[in-house]
Amino acid sequence: MADVFDVAAYILQQQGRMTTMKLQKLCYYAQAWHLAWTGHSLFPERVEAWMNGPIMPDLYHEHRGMISISQPPAGIGDASNITADERESIDAVLDAYGDLKPYELINQTRSETPWLDARGGVAESELCVNRITNKAMRDFYGLLATAEGMKRARA
C-alpha cells in the first residue's frame, strides 16, 4: 500500500506546482473516491476535519510553512510506489477536481457529510482534530458515485 506521501508525489508529478492546501484536498479526494470505488484505503494516514477542510496531519507537517510546492521534500514520497489500480483512481480524481482552485476545493469539502459529521457541530472557525473515518468517506462517496454515476475510467 502506498502512503499519503507517495500519493502527493504522484499528484505533483501529474499536476505540477500547486498550493499545499490544494494538494491536501486532492489527496483527500483520492482517498475518498478510492475507498468508494474499491472498498480499499489508498493510504493508511489519518484524515482530520480541520477548519479549512480535510487534512492529513502527517502531510501537513512536512509542508508546514510552505504556500506552494512543486515536488515532495527530498526522500519523502515516491510516485513509483503507486500501483496501476491506485493510479486509475487518482487520475479520475485529478480529471474531476484538478482544475478547481484551492478555495473551491475547501468550500466543497466543507459542505460534504464526512467533514460535517466529523466536526460534530464544532464551528467552522474553531480548531478541530476529529478524524474523518474511512467508513464515512466510503459510505458518502459510494452513494455519490451511484447517484451521479462517477466512474474511475478516464474519458
Foldseek 3Di string as FASTA:
>chain_A
DFALQQLLQQCLVVQFKDFLLLSQLLSVQLQLVLCQAPVDGPHDAWWFQFLQAIGRVVSCVQQPPGGMDNHGDPPTHDPVVQDPSSVLSSVLSCVVPVPDHSSVSSVVRCVFDLSVVQCVPPDSPDGTGGTRDSVNSNVRVNVVCVVVVRDSHDD
